[in-house]
């Protein structure tokens, strides 16, 4: 289990989280929206360069593009060349620093829509990344577009590339179960294929979902666990469904009030570390 903190492009909170960054040698960066009306280069390079100056022993960095309107299908429809350019920048940075770099991409498409539109383009991108240390991570949805299958797992299964994998967000899992009015352990049985999780999940966004919500009241989405027992239960549930590789990154994606000191994320980091130390995973 590799436990990676999350910062933003201003690198807020890296000093309070320093021991976790140095111990696990990895981190995720959240980038901010640069233009609400057009897809533009969101400035992927500078925060990576700055992080490598501060933490020269880093082995892996994950890039999270701005949260709104950066889905893979929008890039491919409107700015495919921009996406290719960003990936080429990441390849150059990966080669320069000899590190793994991942880029998370959201999608609003279910698997059949990908089959009808994006599949050939994503295969082309996978070919571009082949032989590099750069990986695209497709993140699972949180709305009621799917029930019996996880589309990003199916997409990665069709692409079948070591450079195209899944970022699995546990908060999105809880949102889906709540939307379908199903207990989480009942929903996960029909939503996830254990063997496909084992093969394709490389990255986990880990947090708590409060009050059986996660979406209607935004403050319930992606919070820190208030009870160690519940944190342990959530980790165990994902491990049971094939996310048990020691190579998976567990990223504490926690919303909180203080992004400079990050007390809630540190609490979540400590909880995951406690689980890892207890069960030796």
C-alpha atoms as a PDB file:
ATOM      1  CA  UNK A   1       0.000   0.000   0.000  1.00  0.00           C
ATOM      2  CA  UNK A   2       1.516   3.299  -1.142  1.00  0.00           C
ATOM      3  CA  UNK A   3      -0.138   6.203   0.682  1.00  0.00           C
ATOM      4  CA  UNK A   4       0.089   9.441  -1.275  1.00  0.00           C
ATOM      5  CA  UNK A   5      -1.002  12.857   0.053  1.00  0.00           C
ATOM      6  CA  UNK A   6      -2.768  15.336  -2.190  1.00  0.00           C
ATOM      7  CA  UNK A   7      -1.789  18.982  -2.693  1.00  0.00           C
ATOM      8  CA  UNK A   8      -2.738  21.617  -5.251  1.00  0.00           C
ATOM      9  CA  UNK A   9      -0.753  23.521  -7.836  1.00  0.00           C
ATOM     10  CA  UNK A  10       0.168  26.106  -5.174  1.00  0.00           C
ATOM     11  CA  UNK A  11       1.664  23.197  -3.204  1.00  0.00           C
ATOM     12  CA  UNK A  12      -0.369  24.109  -0.136  1.00  0.00           C
ATOM     13  CA  UNK A  13       0.049  21.753   2.801  1.00  0.00           C
ATOM     14  CA  UNK A  14       3.240  20.043   1.704  1.00  0.00           C
ATOM     15  CA  UNK A  15       5.173  21.018   4.821  1.00  0.00           C
ATOM     16  CA  UNK A  16       2.615  19.602   7.307  1.00  0.00           C
ATOM     17  CA  UNK A  17       2.441  16.458   5.140  1.00  0.00           C
ATOM     18  CA  UNK A  18       6.201  16.266   4.528  1.00  0.00           C
ATOM     19  CA  UNK A  19       6.832  13.009   6.435  1.00  0.00           C
ATOM     20  CA  UNK A  20       4.145  11.177   4.432  1.00  0.00           C
ATOM     21  CA  UNK A  21       5.469  12.526   1.123  1.00  0.00           C
ATOM     22  CA  UNK A  22       9.057  11.570   1.923  1.00  0.00           C
ATOM     23  CA  UNK A  23       8.168   8.145   3.295  1.00  0.00           C
ATOM     24  CA  UNK A  24       5.886   7.125   0.426  1.00  0.00           C
ATOM     25  CA  UNK A  25       7.734   9.033  -2.324  1.00  0.00           C
ATOM     26  CA  UNK A  26       4.559  10.078  -4.103  1.00  0.00           C
ATOM     27  CA  UNK A  27       1.945  12.828  -4.287  1.00  0.00           C
ATOM     28  CA  UNK A  28      -1.072  13.986  -6.294  1.00  0.00           C
ATOM     29  CA  UNK A  29      -1.486  17.571  -7.547  1.00  0.00           C
ATOM     30  CA  UNK A  30      -4.879  19.209  -8.094  1.00  0.00           C
ATOM     31  CA  UNK A  31      -4.801  21.901 -10.780  1.00  0.00           C
ATOM     32  CA  UNK A  32      -7.133  24.901 -10.985  1.00  0.00           C
ATOM     33  CA  UNK A  33      -9.397  26.038 -13.817  1.00  0.00           C
ATOM     34  CA  UNK A  34      -7.661  28.591 -16.040  1.00  0.00           C
ATOM     35  CA  UNK A  35     -10.533  29.405 -18.407  1.00  0.00           C
ATOM     36  CA  UNK A  36     -14.194  28.563 -17.848  1.00  0.00           C
ATOM     37  CA  UNK A  37     -15.127  29.099 -21.483  1.00  0.00           C
ATOM     38  CA  UNK A  38     -12.440  27.148 -23.313  1.00  0.00           C
ATOM     39  CA  UNK A  39     -10.147  24.178 -22.879  1.00  0.00           C
ATOM     40  CA  UNK A  40      -6.649  25.568 -22.384  1.00  0.00           C
ATOM     41  CA  UNK A  41      -3.290  24.300 -21.181  1.00  0.00           C
ATOM     42  CA  UNK A  42      -3.698  24.266 -17.397  1.00  0.00           C
ATOM     43  CA  UNK A  43       0.035  24.599 -16.737  1.00  0.00           C
ATOM     44  CA  UNK A  44       1.068  21.078 -15.897  1.00  0.00           C
ATOM     45  CA  UNK A  45       4.838  21.615 -15.759  1.00  0.00           C
ATOM     46  CA  UNK A  46       5.693  24.191 -13.087  1.00  0.00           C
ATOM     47  CA  UNK A  47       4.221  22.472  -9.982  1.00  0.00           C
ATOM     48  CA  UNK A  48       6.002  19.237 -10.925  1.00  0.00           C
ATOM     49  CA  UNK A  49       9.324  21.044 -11.335  1.00  0.00           C
ATOM     50  CA  UNK A  50       8.862  22.783  -7.968  1.00  0.00           C
ATOM     51  CA  UNK A  51       7.959  19.533  -6.210  1.00  0.00           C
ATOM     52  CA  UNK A  52      11.054  17.813  -7.578  1.00  0.00           C
ATOM     53  CA  UNK A  53      13.208  20.658  -6.211  1.00  0.00           C
ATOM     54  CA  UNK A  54      11.686  20.234  -2.753  1.00  0.00           C
ATOM     55  CA  UNK A  55      11.419  16.419  -2.799  1.00  0.00           C
ATOM     56  CA  UNK A  56      14.139  15.123  -5.146  1.00  0.00           C
ATOM     57  CA  UNK A  57      13.521  11.508  -4.053  1.00  0.00           C
ATOM     58  CA  UNK A  58       9.943  11.466  -5.338  1.00  0.00           C
ATOM     59  CA  UNK A  59       9.179   8.435  -7.472  1.00  0.00           C
ATOM     60  CA  UNK A  60       5.614   9.131  -8.606  1.00  0.00           C
ATOM     61  CA  UNK A  61       3.431  12.194  -9.235  1.00  0.00           C
ATOM     62  CA  UNK A  62      -0.215  12.170 -10.219  1.00  0.00           C
ATOM     63  CA  UNK A  63      -1.725  15.089 -12.130  1.00  0.00           C
ATOM     64  CA  UNK A  64      -5.396  15.909 -11.550  1.00  0.00           C
ATOM     65  CA  UNK A  65      -6.647  18.397 -14.182  1.00  0.00           C
ATOM     66  CA  UNK A  66      -9.197  21.069 -13.202  1.00  0.00           C
ATOM     67  CA  UNK A  67     -12.401  19.535 -11.891  1.00  0.00           C
ATOM     68  CA  UNK A  68     -14.852  21.066 -14.361  1.00  0.00           C
ATOM     69  CA  UNK A  69     -15.069  20.361 -18.086  1.00  0.00           C
ATOM     70  CA  UNK A  70     -11.897  18.372 -18.606  1.00  0.00           C
ATOM     71  CA  UNK A  71     -13.478  15.010 -19.407  1.00  0.00           C
ATOM     72  CA  UNK A  72     -11.701  12.814 -21.948  1.00  0.00           C
ATOM     73  CA  UNK A  73     -14.571  13.116 -24.427  1.00  0.00           C
ATOM     74  CA  UNK A  74     -14.387  16.926 -24.360  1.00  0.00           C
ATOM     75  CA  UNK A  75     -10.657  16.851 -25.074  1.00  0.00           C
ATOM     76  CA  UNK A  76     -11.178  14.428 -27.933  1.00  0.00           C
ATOM     77  CA  UNK A  77     -14.097  16.368 -29.400  1.00  0.00           C
ATOM     78  CA  UNK A  78     -12.650  19.841 -29.046  1.00  0.00           C
ATOM     79  CA  UNK A  79      -8.908  19.804 -28.269  1.00  0.00           C
ATOM     80  CA  UNK A  80      -7.324  16.435 -28.967  1.00  0.00           C
ATOM     81  CA  UNK A  81      -4.052  18.151 -29.928  1.00  0.00           C
ATOM     82  CA  UNK A  82      -3.991  19.898 -26.540  1.00  0.00           C
ATOM     83  CA  UNK A  83      -4.387  16.584 -24.718  1.00  0.00           C
ATOM     84  CA  UNK A  84      -1.569  15.074 -26.796  1.00  0.00           C
ATOM     85  CA  UNK A  85       0.634  18.078 -26.053  1.00  0.00           C
ATOM     86  CA  UNK A  86       0.025  17.802 -22.297  1.00  0.00           C
ATOM     87  CA  UNK A  87       0.854  14.091 -22.390  1.00  0.00           C
ATOM     88  CA  UNK A  88       4.069  14.815 -24.315  1.00  0.00           C
ATOM     89  CA  UNK A  89       5.017  17.362 -21.635  1.00  0.00           C
ATOM     90  CA  UNK A  90       4.472  14.661 -19.008  1.00  0.00           C
ATOM     91  CA  UNK A  91       6.610  12.188 -20.955  1.00  0.00           C
ATOM     92  CA  UNK A  92       9.445  14.737 -21.090  1.00  0.00           C
ATOM     93  CA  UNK A  93       9.160  15.433 -17.344  1.00  0.00           C
ATOM     94  CA  UNK A  94       9.018  11.718 -16.583  1.00  0.00           C
ATOM     95  CA  UNK A  95      12.178  11.132 -18.599  1.00  0.00           C
ATOM     96  CA  UNK A  96      13.962  14.147 -17.104  1.00  0.00           C
ATOM     97  CA  UNK A  97      13.339  13.119 -13.496  1.00  0.00           C
ATOM     98  CA  UNK A  98      13.039   9.355 -14.050  1.00  0.00           C
ATOM     99  CA  UNK A  99       9.691   9.217 -12.255  1.00  0.00           C
ATOM    100  CA  UNK A 100       6.244   7.784 -12.922  1.00  0.00           C
ATOM    101  CA  UNK A 101       3.620  10.374 -13.825  1.00  0.00           C
ATOM    102  CA  UNK A 102      -0.101   9.676 -13.975  1.00  0.00           C
ATOM    103  CA  UNK A 103      -2.868  11.909 -15.299  1.00  0.00           C
ATOM    104  CA  UNK A 104      -6.430  11.424 -14.083  1.00  0.00           C
ATOM    105  CA  UNK A 105      -9.245  11.931 -16.566  1.00  0.00           C
ATOM    106  CA  UNK A 106     -12.943  11.956 -15.774  1.00  0.00           C
ATOM    107  CA  UNK A 107     -15.616  10.799 -18.192  1.00  0.00           C
ATOM    108  CA  UNK A 108     -19.360  11.303 -18.381  1.00  0.00           C
ATOM    109  CA  UNK A 109     -19.750   8.467 -20.866  1.00  0.00           C
ATOM    110  CA  UNK A 110     -20.876   4.944 -20.097  1.00  0.00           C
ATOM    111  CA  UNK A 111     -19.074   2.115 -21.828  1.00  0.00           C
ATOM    112  CA  UNK A 112     -21.402   1.874 -24.840  1.00  0.00           C
ATOM    113  CA  UNK A 113     -20.864   5.573 -25.594  1.00  0.00           C
ATOM    114  CA  UNK A 114     -17.106   5.036 -25.508  1.00  0.00           C
ATOM    115  CA  UNK A 115     -17.466   2.100 -27.891  1.00  0.00           C
ATOM    116  CA  UNK A 116     -19.368   4.348 -30.291  1.00  0.00           C
ATOM    117  CA  UNK A 117     -17.065   7.379 -30.097  1.00  0.00           C
ATOM    118  CA  UNK A 118     -13.755   7.502 -28.238  1.00  0.00           C
ATOM    119  CA  UNK A 119     -12.335   3.984 -28.321  1.00  0.00           C
ATOM    120  CA  UNK A 120     -10.032   4.348 -31.328  1.00  0.00           C
ATOM    121  CA  UNK A 121      -8.707   7.699 -30.086  1.00  0.00           C
ATOM    122  CA  UNK A 122      -7.926   6.279 -26.632  1.00  0.00           C
ATOM    123  CA  UNK A 123      -6.144   3.323 -28.235  1.00  0.00           C
ATOM    124  CA  UNK A 124      -4.074   5.830 -30.215  1.00  0.00           C
ATOM    125  CA  UNK A 125      -3.166   7.638 -26.987  1.00  0.00           C
ATOM    126  CA  UNK A 126      -2.268   4.331 -25.335  1.00  0.00           C
ATOM    127  CA  UNK A 127       0.095   3.672 -28.237  1.00  0.00           C
ATOM    128  CA  UNK A 128       1.718   7.087 -27.689  1.00  0.00           C
ATOM    129  CA  UNK A 129       2.315   6.243 -24.012  1.00  0.00           C
ATOM    130  CA  UNK A 130       3.577   2.705 -24.652  1.00  0.00           C
ATOM    131  CA  UNK A 131       7.060   2.178 -23.228  1.00  0.00           C
ATOM    132  CA  UNK A 132       6.909   5.362 -21.103  1.00  0.00           C
ATOM    133  CA  UNK A 133       6.325   5.883 -17.383  1.00  0.00           C
ATOM    134  CA  UNK A 134       3.226   7.981 -18.060  1.00  0.00           C
ATOM    135  CA  UNK A 135      -0.215   6.533 -17.379  1.00  0.00           C
ATOM    136  CA  UNK A 136      -3.757   7.782 -17.911  1.00  0.00           C
ATOM    137  CA  UNK A 137      -6.143   6.982 -15.062  1.00  0.00           C
ATOM    138  CA  UNK A 138      -9.877   6.988 -15.784  1.00  0.00           C
ATOM    139  CA  UNK A 139     -11.921   7.811 -12.690  1.00  0.00           C
ATOM    140  CA  UNK A 140     -15.238   6.097 -11.923  1.00  0.00           C
ATOM    141  CA  UNK A 141     -18.456   8.130 -12.067  1.00  0.00           C
ATOM    142  CA  UNK A 142     -20.574   9.334  -9.173  1.00  0.00           C
ATOM    143  CA  UNK A 143     -23.936   9.989 -10.875  1.00  0.00           C
ATOM    144  CA  UNK A 144     -26.775   7.592 -11.791  1.00  0.00           C
ATOM    145  CA  UNK A 145     -25.532   6.743 -15.279  1.00  0.00           C
ATOM    146  CA  UNK A 146     -24.638   3.163 -14.499  1.00  0.00           C
ATOM    147  CA  UNK A 147     -25.600   0.422 -12.076  1.00  0.00           C
ATOM    148  CA  UNK A 148     -24.592  -3.056 -13.159  1.00  0.00           C
ATOM    149  CA  UNK A 149     -21.109  -2.266 -14.400  1.00  0.00           C
ATOM    150  CA  UNK A 150     -18.262   0.166 -13.800  1.00  0.00           C
ATOM    151  CA  UNK A 151     -17.657   1.735 -17.209  1.00  0.00           C
ATOM    152  CA  UNK A 152     -14.049   2.778 -16.634  1.00  0.00           C
ATOM    153  CA  UNK A 153     -13.116  -0.795 -15.720  1.00  0.00           C
ATOM    154  CA  UNK A 154     -14.768  -2.003 -18.911  1.00  0.00           C
ATOM    155  CA  UNK A 155     -13.019   0.724 -20.917  1.00  0.00           C
ATOM    156  CA  UNK A 156      -9.599  -0.259 -19.577  1.00  0.00           C
ATOM    157  CA  UNK A 157     -10.372  -3.884 -20.300  1.00  0.00           C
ATOM    158  CA  UNK A 158     -11.066  -3.010 -23.940  1.00  0.00           C
ATOM    159  CA  UNK A 159      -7.950  -0.823 -24.255  1.00  0.00           C
ATOM    160  CA  UNK A 160      -5.799  -3.465 -22.496  1.00  0.00           C
ATOM    161  CA  UNK A 161      -2.756  -1.240 -21.949  1.00  0.00           C
ATOM    162  CA  UNK A 162      -0.314  -0.879 -19.069  1.00  0.00           C
ATOM    163  CA  UNK A 163      -0.532   2.876 -19.667  1.00  0.00           C
ATOM    164  CA  UNK A 164      -4.326   3.157 -19.312  1.00  0.00           C
ATOM    165  CA  UNK A 165      -5.651   2.263 -15.872  1.00  0.00           C
ATOM    166  CA  UNK A 166      -8.345   3.163 -13.317  1.00  0.00           C
ATOM    167  CA  UNK A 167      -8.481   5.662 -10.477  1.00  0.00           C
ATOM    168  CA  UNK A 168     -11.178   4.314  -8.180  1.00  0.00           C
ATOM    169  CA  UNK A 169     -12.894   6.890  -5.979  1.00  0.00           C
ATOM    170  CA  UNK A 170     -14.601   5.307  -2.955  1.00  0.00           C
ATOM    171  CA  UNK A 171     -16.703   8.427  -2.378  1.00  0.00           C
ATOM    172  CA  UNK A 172     -18.148   8.064  -5.877  1.00  0.00           C
ATOM    173  CA  UNK A 173     -18.970   4.448  -5.046  1.00  0.00           C
ATOM    174  CA  UNK A 174     -20.969   5.571  -2.007  1.00  0.00           C
ATOM    175  CA  UNK A 175     -22.714   8.288  -4.060  1.00  0.00           C
ATOM    176  CA  UNK A 176     -23.852   5.705  -6.593  1.00  0.00           C
ATOM    177  CA  UNK A 177     -25.102   3.293  -3.944  1.00  0.00           C
ATOM    178  CA  UNK A 178     -27.044   6.084  -2.235  1.00  0.00           C
ATOM    179  CA  UNK A 179     -28.538   7.264  -5.532  1.00  0.00           C
ATOM    180  CA  UNK A 180     -29.784   3.742  -6.230  1.00  0.00           C
ATOM    181  CA  UNK A 181     -31.069   3.354  -2.638  1.00  0.00           C
ATOM    182  CA  UNK A 182     -28.897   0.309  -2.072  1.00  0.00           C
ATOM    183  CA  UNK A 183     -26.678  -0.692   0.868  1.00  0.00           C
ATOM    184  CA  UNK A 184     -23.037  -0.245  -0.112  1.00  0.00           C
ATOM    185  CA  UNK A 185     -22.132  -3.928   0.160  1.00  0.00           C
ATOM    186  CA  UNK A 186     -25.114  -4.920  -1.958  1.00  0.00           C
ATOM    187  CA  UNK A 187     -24.320  -2.311  -4.611  1.00  0.00           C
ATOM    188  CA  UNK A 188     -20.624  -3.158  -4.828  1.00  0.00           C
ATOM    189  CA  UNK A 189     -21.447  -6.797  -5.618  1.00  0.00           C
ATOM    190  CA  UNK A 190     -23.255  -5.846  -8.820  1.00  0.00           C
ATOM    191  CA  UNK A 191     -21.072  -2.861  -9.730  1.00  0.00           C
ATOM    192  CA  UNK A 192     -17.536  -4.215  -9.488  1.00  0.00           C
ATOM    193  CA  UNK A 193     -15.805  -7.158 -11.106  1.00  0.00           C
ATOM    194  CA  UNK A 194     -13.065  -8.305  -8.738  1.00  0.00           C
ATOM    195  CA  UNK A 195     -10.755  -9.663 -11.433  1.00  0.00           C
ATOM    196  CA  UNK A 196     -11.020  -6.473 -13.486  1.00  0.00           C
ATOM    197  CA  UNK A 197     -10.313  -4.397 -10.379  1.00  0.00           C
ATOM    198  CA  UNK A 198      -7.245  -6.519  -9.706  1.00  0.00           C
ATOM    199  CA  UNK A 199      -6.040  -6.017 -13.262  1.00  0.00           C
ATOM    200  CA  UNK A 200      -6.834  -2.354 -13.858  1.00  0.00           C
ATOM    201  CA  UNK A 201      -7.061  -0.335 -10.611  1.00  0.00           C
ATOM    202  CA  UNK A 202      -3.788   1.537 -10.055  1.00  0.00           C
ATOM    203  CA  UNK A 203      -4.926   4.486  -7.963  1.00  0.00           C
ATOM    204  CA  UNK A 204      -7.533   5.007  -5.224  1.00  0.00           C
ATOM    205  CA  UNK A 205      -9.112   8.247  -4.047  1.00  0.00           C
ATOM    206  CA  UNK A 206      -9.848   7.510  -0.413  1.00  0.00           C
ATOM    207  CA  UNK A 207     -12.129   9.461   1.920  1.00  0.00           C
ATOM    208  CA  UNK A 208     -15.359   9.201   3.883  1.00  0.00           C
ATOM    209  CA  UNK A 209     -18.869  10.002   2.646  1.00  0.00           C
ATOM    210  CA  UNK A 210     -20.959  11.606   5.377  1.00  0.00           C
ATOM    211  CA  UNK A 211     -24.671  11.260   6.142  1.00  0.00           C
ATOM    212  CA  UNK A 212     -25.291   8.757   3.328  1.00  0.00           C
ATOM    213  CA  UNK A 213     -25.020  11.600   0.832  1.00  0.00           C
ATOM    214  CA  UNK A 214     -21.842  12.787  -0.888  1.00  0.00           C
ATOM    215  CA  UNK A 215     -23.547  14.880  -3.547  1.00  0.00           C
ATOM    216  CA  UNK A 216     -26.718  16.769  -2.575  1.00  0.00           C
ATOM    217  CA  UNK A 217     -24.942  18.530   0.288  1.00  0.00           C
ATOM    218  CA  UNK A 218     -21.443  19.049  -1.066  1.00  0.00           C
ATOM    219  CA  UNK A 219     -19.897  19.299   2.395  1.00  0.00           C
ATOM    220  CA  UNK A 220     -20.561  15.571   2.833  1.00  0.00           C
ATOM    221  CA  UNK A 221     -18.354  14.644  -0.133  1.00  0.00           C
ATOM    222  CA  UNK A 222     -14.795  13.459   0.411  1.00  0.00           C
ATOM    223  CA  UNK A 223     -14.361  14.096   4.122  1.00  0.00           C
ATOM    224  CA  UNK A 224     -12.017  12.458   6.599  1.00  0.00           C
ATOM    225  CA  UNK A 225     -13.257   9.443   8.536  1.00  0.00           C
ATOM    226  CA  UNK A 226     -14.428  10.353  12.016  1.00  0.00           C
ATOM    227  CA  UNK A 227     -14.030   6.782  13.309  1.00  0.00           C
ATOM    228  CA  UNK A 228     -11.034   4.501  12.843  1.00  0.00           C
ATOM    229  CA  UNK A 229     -13.314   1.467  12.736  1.00  0.00           C
ATOM    230  CA  UNK A 230     -15.173   2.867   9.707  1.00  0.00           C
ATOM    231  CA  UNK A 231     -11.919   3.765   7.946  1.00  0.00           C
ATOM    232  CA  UNK A 232     -10.667   0.213   8.454  1.00  0.00           C
ATOM    233  CA  UNK A 233     -13.978  -1.154   7.162  1.00  0.00           C
ATOM    234  CA  UNK A 234     -13.770   0.933   3.970  1.00  0.00           C
ATOM    235  CA  UNK A 235     -10.169  -0.130   3.291  1.00  0.00           C
ATOM    236  CA  UNK A 236     -11.069  -3.791   3.842  1.00  0.00           C
ATOM    237  CA  UNK A 237     -14.030  -3.523   1.449  1.00  0.00           C
ATOM    238  CA  UNK A 238     -11.811  -2.291  -1.393  1.00  0.00           C
ATOM    239  CA  UNK A 239      -9.170  -4.918  -0.663  1.00  0.00           C
ATOM    240  CA  UNK A 240     -11.862  -7.592  -0.816  1.00  0.00           C
ATOM    241  CA  UNK A 241     -12.736  -6.459  -4.339  1.00  0.00           C
ATOM    242  CA  UNK A 242      -9.275  -6.937  -5.774  1.00  0.00           C
ATOM    243  CA  UNK A 243      -7.634  -3.626  -4.896  1.00  0.00           C
ATOM    244  CA  UNK A 244      -5.019  -5.364  -2.784  1.00  0.00           C
ATOM    245  CA  UNK A 245      -1.851  -4.844  -4.811  1.00  0.00           C
ATOM    246  CA  UNK A 246       1.002  -3.171  -2.942  1.00  0.00           C
ATOM    247  CA  UNK A 247       1.597  -1.107  -6.089  1.00  0.00           C
ATOM    248  CA  UNK A 248      -1.727   0.758  -5.825  1.00  0.00           C
ATOM    249  CA  UNK A 249      -1.567   4.399  -4.712  1.00  0.00           C
ATOM    250  CA  UNK A 250      -4.007   5.271  -1.925  1.00  0.00           C
ATOM    251  CA  UNK A 251      -4.547   9.014  -2.185  1.00  0.00           C
ATOM    252  CA  UNK A 252      -6.229  10.910   0.643  1.00  0.00           C
ATOM    253  CA  UNK A 253      -8.572  13.129  -1.361  1.00  0.00           C
ATOM    254  CA  UNK A 254     -10.115  15.056   1.529  1.00  0.00           C
ATOM    255  CA  UNK A 255     -12.111  18.281   1.479  1.00  0.00           C
ATOM    256  CA  UNK A 256     -11.515  20.501   4.486  1.00  0.00           C
ATOM    257  CA  UNK A 257     -11.465  24.072   5.750  1.00  0.00           C
ATOM    258  CA  UNK A 258      -7.704  24.580   6.112  1.00  0.00           C
ATOM    259  CA  UNK A 259      -5.773  23.677   2.970  1.00  0.00           C
ATOM    260  CA  UNK A 260      -2.516  25.115   4.297  1.00  0.00           C
ATOM    261  CA  UNK A 261      -2.286  22.951   7.413  1.00  0.00           C
ATOM    262  CA  UNK A 262      -4.561  20.131   6.145  1.00  0.00           C
ATOM    263  CA  UNK A 263      -5.477  18.682   9.552  1.00  0.00           C
ATOM    264  CA  UNK A 264      -8.254  16.453   8.155  1.00  0.00           C
ATOM    265  CA  UNK A 265      -6.072  14.995   5.412  1.00  0.00           C
ATOM    266  CA  UNK A 266      -3.311  14.324   7.927  1.00  0.00           C
ATOM    267  CA  UNK A 267      -5.832  12.454  10.085  1.00  0.00           C
ATOM    268  CA  UNK A 268      -6.789  10.335   7.044  1.00  0.00           C
ATOM    269  CA  UNK A 269      -3.114   9.727   6.214  1.00  0.00           C
ATOM    270  CA  UNK A 270      -2.509   8.570   9.774  1.00  0.00           C
ATOM    271  CA  UNK A 271      -5.524   6.246   9.596  1.00  0.00           C
ATOM    272  CA  UNK A 272      -4.333   4.583   6.381  1.00  0.00           C
ATOM    273  CA  UNK A 273      -0.812   4.266   7.779  1.00  0.00           C
ATOM    274  CA  UNK A 274      -2.242   2.613  10.895  1.00  0.00           C
ATOM    275  CA  UNK A 275      -4.123   0.104   8.740  1.00  0.00           C
ATOM    276  CA  UNK A 276      -1.056  -0.647   6.634  1.00  0.00           C
ATOM    277  CA  UNK A 277       1.149  -1.131   9.687  1.00  0.00           C
ATOM    278  CA  UNK A 278      -1.381  -3.371  11.437  1.00  0.00           C
ATOM    279  CA  UNK A 279      -2.057  -5.679   8.494  1.00  0.00           C
ATOM    280  CA  UNK A 280       1.338  -5.409   6.728  1.00  0.00           C
ATOM    281  CA  UNK A 281      -0.119  -4.682   3.287  1.00  0.00           C
END
